[in-house]
Each structure stands twice: as structure tokens, then as C-alpha cells.
Amino acid sequence: MKILNRFTAEVIFESEKTTIRETVLEAISKKADLSKANLSKANLSWADLSKADLSEANLSKADLSKPYTWKTEFYKAKVTEKVKQQIIDSFKFVVVKE
């Protein structure tokens, strides 16, 4: 599986993994630069993205939605304001009064 640059289509990272999720996690573990990566439609639920530089990455239609993103670590992840808003929008908080 290959991760491509969203602007040039150049291969950023290549792996023998069979899913984009596994490939992204391997790329992160190997400190690959995923800024500008095309990760559209990627299932990133439950993924620890805390050390990923996702600035300028294409995350359109990526799975960042509940119930899975509450387990995703975004602390220190570099993301654009648009991606931050995607993440915020994916959370729905329910306040329970006793």
C-alpha cells in the first residue's frame, strides 16, 4: 500500500500492509512525514495520531467520527484549522444531569 502526496502524487511512504489504516500507523511509527499526505477516506478510528504531522493532509471523508475518535490521540498532532474543525465536529457531547 502506498501513501501519496496530495499535491504531486509522489509516493511518501510504501508498505506491505493491506489497509491504509495499518500503513498510516506504520508510517507514523517510522516517523514518516505525512504532511501533505492524501488520506481521504482512510479509516483512522482508534488510531493514535499524537505524533503525526497531518498539516496540509487531505483527510476529507476520513473516518474521524464517533464512537471511535474518543480513543484517538490528537495531542501534538499538527493539523490545519479545517482538520481541527472536522475533529471537533465529530464529537457530540451529552450532558447528564443527576
C-alpha atoms as a PDB file:
ATOM      1  CA  MET A   1       0.000   0.000   0.000  1.00  0.00           C
ATOM      2  CA  LYS A   2       1.241   3.485  -0.824  1.00  0.00           C
ATOM      3  CA  ILE A   3       0.602   6.872   0.737  1.00  0.00           C
ATOM      4  CA  LEU A   4       0.804   9.611  -1.863  1.00  0.00           C
ATOM      5  CA  ASN A   5       1.467  13.334  -1.669  1.00  0.00           C
ATOM      6  CA  ARG A   6      -1.900  15.015  -2.236  1.00  0.00           C
ATOM      7  CA  PHE A   7      -0.375  17.697  -4.477  1.00  0.00           C
ATOM      8  CA  THR A   8       2.256  15.849  -6.540  1.00  0.00           C
ATOM      9  CA  ALA A   9       1.118  12.186  -6.305  1.00  0.00           C
ATOM     10  CA  GLU A  10       4.689  11.339  -5.273  1.00  0.00           C
ATOM     11  CA  VAL A  11       4.970   8.281  -3.017  1.00  0.00           C
ATOM     12  CA  ILE A  12       5.513   9.460   0.561  1.00  0.00           C
ATOM     13  CA  PHE A  13       5.512   6.036   2.189  1.00  0.00           C
ATOM     14  CA  GLU A  14       5.156   2.468   0.980  1.00  0.00           C
ATOM     15  CA  SER A  15       4.347  -0.635   2.984  1.00  0.00           C
ATOM     16  CA  GLU A  16       3.371  -4.245   2.584  1.00  0.00           C
ATOM     17  CA  LYS A  17       0.370  -3.620   4.858  1.00  0.00           C
ATOM     18  CA  THR A  18      -3.012  -4.275   3.254  1.00  0.00           C
ATOM     19  CA  THR A  19      -5.045  -1.353   4.614  1.00  0.00           C
ATOM     20  CA  ILE A  20      -4.455   2.384   4.601  1.00  0.00           C
ATOM     21  CA  ARG A  21      -5.006   2.414   8.375  1.00  0.00           C
ATOM     22  CA  GLU A  22      -2.203  -0.097   9.001  1.00  0.00           C
ATOM     23  CA  THR A  23       0.018   1.735   6.516  1.00  0.00           C
ATOM     24  CA  VAL A  24      -0.580   5.098   8.227  1.00  0.00           C
ATOM     25  CA  LEU A  25       0.180   3.610  11.644  1.00  0.00           C
ATOM     26  CA  GLU A  26       3.389   2.050  10.323  1.00  0.00           C
ATOM     27  CA  ALA A  27       4.374   5.340   8.683  1.00  0.00           C
ATOM     28  CA  ILE A  28       3.830   7.171  11.974  1.00  0.00           C
ATOM     29  CA  SER A  29       5.879   4.598  13.880  1.00  0.00           C
ATOM     30  CA  LYS A  30       8.707   5.099  11.377  1.00  0.00           C
ATOM     31  CA  LYS A  31       8.393   8.896  11.671  1.00  0.00           C
ATOM     32  CA  ALA A  32       7.453   9.367   8.022  1.00  0.00           C
ATOM     33  CA  ASP A  33       6.401  12.883   7.084  1.00  0.00           C
ATOM     34  CA  LEU A  34       2.665  12.637   6.446  1.00  0.00           C
ATOM     35  CA  SER A  35       2.151  16.351   5.966  1.00  0.00           C
ATOM     36  CA  LYS A  36       0.551  16.792   2.574  1.00  0.00           C
ATOM     37  CA  ALA A  37      -0.469  13.101   2.510  1.00  0.00           C
ATOM     38  CA  ASN A  38      -3.634  12.059   0.734  1.00  0.00           C
ATOM     39  CA  LEU A  39      -5.532  10.197   3.452  1.00  0.00           C
ATOM     40  CA  SER A  40      -9.017  10.808   2.131  1.00  0.00           C
ATOM     41  CA  LYS A  41     -11.476   8.050   3.010  1.00  0.00           C
ATOM     42  CA  ALA A  42      -8.936   6.496   5.418  1.00  0.00           C
ATOM     43  CA  ASN A  43     -10.328   4.718   8.461  1.00  0.00           C
ATOM     44  CA  LEU A  44      -8.346   6.395  11.235  1.00  0.00           C
ATOM     45  CA  SER A  45     -10.723   5.466  14.019  1.00  0.00           C
ATOM     46  CA  TRP A  46      -8.971   4.363  17.198  1.00  0.00           C
ATOM     47  CA  ALA A  47      -5.609   5.368  15.684  1.00  0.00           C
ATOM     48  CA  ASP A  48      -3.029   7.094  17.859  1.00  0.00           C
ATOM     49  CA  LEU A  49      -2.165  10.131  15.755  1.00  0.00           C
ATOM     50  CA  SER A  50      -0.468  12.004  18.573  1.00  0.00           C
ATOM     51  CA  LYS A  51       2.922  12.138  16.864  1.00  0.00           C
ATOM     52  CA  ALA A  52       1.693  12.602  13.307  1.00  0.00           C
ATOM     53  CA  ASP A  53       2.240  15.750  11.303  1.00  0.00           C
ATOM     54  CA  LEU A  54      -1.011  15.945   9.362  1.00  0.00           C
ATOM     55  CA  SER A  55      -0.666  19.580   8.371  1.00  0.00           C
ATOM     56  CA  GLU A  56      -1.999  20.018   4.848  1.00  0.00           C
ATOM     57  CA  ALA A  57      -3.011  16.332   4.707  1.00  0.00           C
ATOM     58  CA  ASN A  58      -6.209  15.552   2.825  1.00  0.00           C
ATOM     59  CA  LEU A  59      -8.485  13.965   5.426  1.00  0.00           C
ATOM     60  CA  SER A  60     -11.720  14.514   3.541  1.00  0.00           C
ATOM     61  CA  LYS A  61     -14.119  11.658   4.204  1.00  0.00           C
ATOM     62  CA  ALA A  62     -11.596  10.041   6.559  1.00  0.00           C
ATOM     63  CA  ASP A  63     -13.225   8.183   9.441  1.00  0.00           C
ATOM     64  CA  LEU A  64     -12.732  10.521  12.383  1.00  0.00           C
ATOM     65  CA  SER A  65     -16.232  10.058  13.693  1.00  0.00           C
ATOM     66  CA  LYS A  66     -17.709   8.811  16.921  1.00  0.00           C
ATOM     67  CA  PRO A  67     -17.732   6.368  18.550  1.00  0.00           C
ATOM     68  CA  TYR A  68     -14.154   5.883  17.554  1.00  0.00           C
ATOM     69  CA  THR A  69     -12.354   9.235  17.754  1.00  0.00           C
ATOM     70  CA  TRP A  70     -12.720   9.472  21.517  1.00  0.00           C
ATOM     71  CA  LYS A  71      -9.944   6.858  21.592  1.00  0.00           C
ATOM     72  CA  THR A  72      -7.817   8.770  19.071  1.00  0.00           C
ATOM     73  CA  GLU A  73      -4.939  10.810  20.454  1.00  0.00           C
ATOM     74  CA  PHE A  74      -4.595  14.122  18.649  1.00  0.00           C
ATOM     75  CA  TYR A  75      -2.419  15.829  21.275  1.00  0.00           C
ATOM     76  CA  LYS A  76       0.641  17.229  19.437  1.00  0.00           C
ATOM     77  CA  ALA A  77      -0.709  16.233  16.015  1.00  0.00           C
ATOM     78  CA  LYS A  78      -0.120  19.050  13.570  1.00  0.00           C
ATOM     79  CA  VAL A  79      -3.346  19.731  11.738  1.00  0.00           C
ATOM     80  CA  THR A  80      -4.831  22.628   9.847  1.00  0.00           C
ATOM     81  CA  GLU A  81      -7.750  24.619  11.217  1.00  0.00           C
ATOM     82  CA  LYS A  82     -10.077  22.798   8.812  1.00  0.00           C
ATOM     83  CA  VAL A  83      -8.980  19.407  10.139  1.00  0.00           C
ATOM     84  CA  LYS A  84      -9.275  20.645  13.734  1.00  0.00           C
ATOM     85  CA  GLN A  85     -12.854  21.629  12.971  1.00  0.00           C
ATOM     86  CA  GLN A  86     -13.511  18.181  11.443  1.00  0.00           C
ATOM     87  CA  ILE A  87     -12.286  16.609  14.663  1.00  0.00           C
ATOM     88  CA  ILE A  88     -14.320  18.952  16.855  1.00  0.00           C
ATOM     89  CA  ASP A  89     -17.431  18.390  14.744  1.00  0.00           C
ATOM     90  CA  SER A  90     -17.067  14.643  15.108  1.00  0.00           C
ATOM     91  CA  PHE A  91     -17.565  14.882  18.868  1.00  0.00           C
ATOM     92  CA  LYS A  92     -21.085  15.107  20.245  1.00  0.00           C
ATOM     93  CA  PHE A  93     -21.229  15.718  23.947  1.00  0.00           C
ATOM     94  CA  VAL A  94     -24.183  14.744  26.082  1.00  0.00           C
ATOM     95  CA  VAL A  95     -24.587  16.349  29.477  1.00  0.00           C
ATOM     96  CA  VAL A  96     -26.393  14.212  32.001  1.00  0.00           C
ATOM     97  CA  LYS A  97     -27.930  15.951  34.984  1.00  0.00           C
ATOM     98  CA  GLU A  98     -28.438  13.955  38.143  1.00  0.00           C
END
